[in-house]
Amino acid sequence: MNQLSNQYEIAKQNANDFMKDGQISAYLNALSEMNKYKRLMNAVVAN
């Protein structure tokens, strides 16, 4: 769970950096990566 939350925070920071730099496609990819880790964390909690 710690590893998933760390990866989520890294993706969140990347998304913020990409948005500041105006890299929209990279920003959207980082958002989808954040969504993936969020779903995995929810699955771990549910089990």
N, C-alpha and C. Protein backbone atom coordinates (compact mmCIF):
# COMPACT_ATOMS: atom_id res chain seq x y z
N MET A 1 0.83 -1.20 0.00
CA MET A 1 0.00 0.00 0.00
C MET A 1 0.87 1.26 0.00
N ASN A 2 1.96 1.22 0.76
CA ASN A 2 2.86 2.38 0.79
C ASN A 2 3.44 2.67 -0.59
N GLN A 3 3.81 1.60 -1.29
CA GLN A 3 4.39 1.78 -2.62
C GLN A 3 3.36 2.40 -3.57
N LEU A 4 2.11 1.95 -3.48
CA LEU A 4 1.07 2.51 -4.34
C LEU A 4 0.84 3.98 -4.04
N SER A 5 0.81 4.33 -2.76
CA SER A 5 0.58 5.74 -2.42
C SER A 5 1.78 6.60 -2.84
N ASN A 6 2.98 6.06 -2.75
CA ASN A 6 4.16 6.81 -3.21
C ASN A 6 4.10 7.04 -4.71
N GLN A 7 3.72 5.99 -5.47
CA GLN A 7 3.62 6.12 -6.91
C GLN A 7 2.51 7.10 -7.29
N TYR A 8 1.42 7.10 -6.52
CA TYR A 8 0.33 8.04 -6.76
C TYR A 8 0.81 9.48 -6.55
N GLU A 9 1.55 9.71 -5.48
CA GLU A 9 2.05 11.06 -5.20
C GLU A 9 3.05 11.52 -6.26
N ILE A 10 3.87 10.60 -6.75
CA ILE A 10 4.81 10.95 -7.82
C ILE A 10 4.06 11.32 -9.09
N ALA A 11 3.02 10.55 -9.43
CA ALA A 11 2.21 10.86 -10.62
C ALA A 11 1.50 12.19 -10.44
N LYS A 12 1.06 12.48 -9.22
CA LYS A 12 0.39 13.76 -8.93
C LYS A 12 1.35 14.93 -9.12
N GLN A 13 2.58 14.78 -8.64
CA GLN A 13 3.58 15.83 -8.80
C GLN A 13 3.93 16.02 -10.28
N ASN A 14 4.05 14.90 -11.00
CA ASN A 14 4.32 14.99 -12.44
C ASN A 14 3.20 15.72 -13.16
N ALA A 15 1.96 15.42 -12.78
CA ALA A 15 0.82 16.08 -13.42
C ALA A 15 0.87 17.58 -13.17
N ASN A 16 1.19 17.98 -11.95
CA ASN A 16 1.30 19.41 -11.64
C ASN A 16 2.40 20.06 -12.46
N ASP A 17 3.54 19.39 -12.57
CA ASP A 17 4.66 19.95 -13.34
C ASP A 17 4.30 20.07 -14.82
N PHE A 18 3.64 19.04 -15.36
CA PHE A 18 3.27 19.08 -16.78
C PHE A 18 2.26 20.19 -17.04
N MET A 19 1.34 20.40 -16.12
CA MET A 19 0.34 21.45 -16.31
C MET A 19 1.01 22.83 -16.28
N LYS A 20 1.95 23.01 -15.36
CA LYS A 20 2.66 24.29 -15.30
C LYS A 20 3.45 24.56 -16.57
N ASP A 21 4.00 23.49 -17.16
CA ASP A 21 4.81 23.63 -18.38
C ASP A 21 3.96 23.69 -19.64
N GLY A 22 2.66 23.42 -19.52
CA GLY A 22 1.77 23.47 -20.67
C GLY A 22 1.82 22.23 -21.54
N GLN A 23 2.31 21.14 -21.01
CA GLN A 23 2.39 19.89 -21.76
C GLN A 23 1.10 19.09 -21.52
N ILE A 24 0.10 19.37 -22.33
CA ILE A 24 -1.25 18.86 -22.06
C ILE A 24 -1.33 17.35 -22.22
N SER A 25 -0.72 16.79 -23.25
CA SER A 25 -0.82 15.34 -23.45
C SER A 25 -0.11 14.58 -22.33
N ALA A 26 1.03 15.09 -21.89
CA ALA A 26 1.74 14.46 -20.77
C ALA A 26 0.94 14.62 -19.49
N TYR A 27 0.27 15.75 -19.34
CA TYR A 27 -0.58 15.99 -18.18
C TYR A 27 -1.72 14.98 -18.12
N LEU A 28 -2.37 14.75 -19.26
CA LEU A 28 -3.47 13.79 -19.31
C LEU A 28 -2.98 12.37 -19.04
N ASN A 29 -1.79 12.04 -19.53
CA ASN A 29 -1.22 10.72 -19.23
C ASN A 29 -0.95 10.57 -17.74
N ALA A 30 -0.46 11.62 -17.11
CA ALA A 30 -0.20 11.57 -15.67
C ALA A 30 -1.50 11.44 -14.89
N LEU A 31 -2.55 12.10 -15.36
CA LEU A 31 -3.86 11.97 -14.70
C LEU A 31 -4.39 10.54 -14.80
N SER A 32 -4.21 9.92 -15.96
CA SER A 32 -4.68 8.53 -16.09
C SER A 32 -3.85 7.60 -15.22
N GLU A 33 -2.57 7.90 -15.07
CA GLU A 33 -1.71 7.11 -14.19
C GLU A 33 -2.16 7.28 -12.73
N MET A 34 -2.51 8.51 -12.35
CA MET A 34 -3.03 8.75 -11.00
C MET A 34 -4.31 7.94 -10.77
N ASN A 35 -5.19 7.92 -11.77
CA ASN A 35 -6.44 7.18 -11.67
C ASN A 35 -6.17 5.69 -11.49
N LYS A 36 -5.16 5.18 -12.21
CA LYS A 36 -4.81 3.76 -12.10
C LYS A 36 -4.37 3.42 -10.67
N TYR A 37 -3.50 4.24 -10.11
CA TYR A 37 -3.02 3.97 -8.75
C TYR A 37 -4.13 4.15 -7.72
N LYS A 38 -5.03 5.11 -7.94
CA LYS A 38 -6.15 5.32 -7.03
C LYS A 38 -7.06 4.08 -7.02
N ARG A 39 -7.34 3.53 -8.21
CA ARG A 39 -8.18 2.33 -8.29
C ARG A 39 -7.49 1.14 -7.62
N LEU A 40 -6.18 1.00 -7.80
CA LEU A 40 -5.45 -0.09 -7.17
C LEU A 40 -5.46 0.04 -5.65
N MET A 41 -5.32 1.26 -5.15
CA MET A 41 -5.36 1.47 -3.70
C MET A 41 -6.74 1.12 -3.14
N ASN A 42 -7.80 1.50 -3.88
CA ASN A 42 -9.15 1.16 -3.44
C ASN A 42 -9.37 -0.35 -3.44
N ALA A 43 -8.79 -1.04 -4.42
CA ALA A 43 -8.93 -2.51 -4.48
C ALA A 43 -8.20 -3.15 -3.31
N VAL A 44 -7.05 -2.63 -2.94
CA VAL A 44 -6.30 -3.19 -1.82
C VAL A 44 -7.05 -2.97 -0.52
N VAL A 45 -7.64 -1.81 -0.36
CA VAL A 45 -8.40 -1.51 0.86
C VAL A 45 -9.64 -2.39 0.96
N ALA A 46 -10.28 -2.64 -0.19
CA ALA A 46 -11.51 -3.43 -0.19
C ALA A 46 -11.26 -4.90 0.17
N ASN A 47 -10.07 -5.38 -0.08
CA ASN A 47 -9.79 -6.79 0.19
C ASN A 47 -9.21 -7.02 1.53
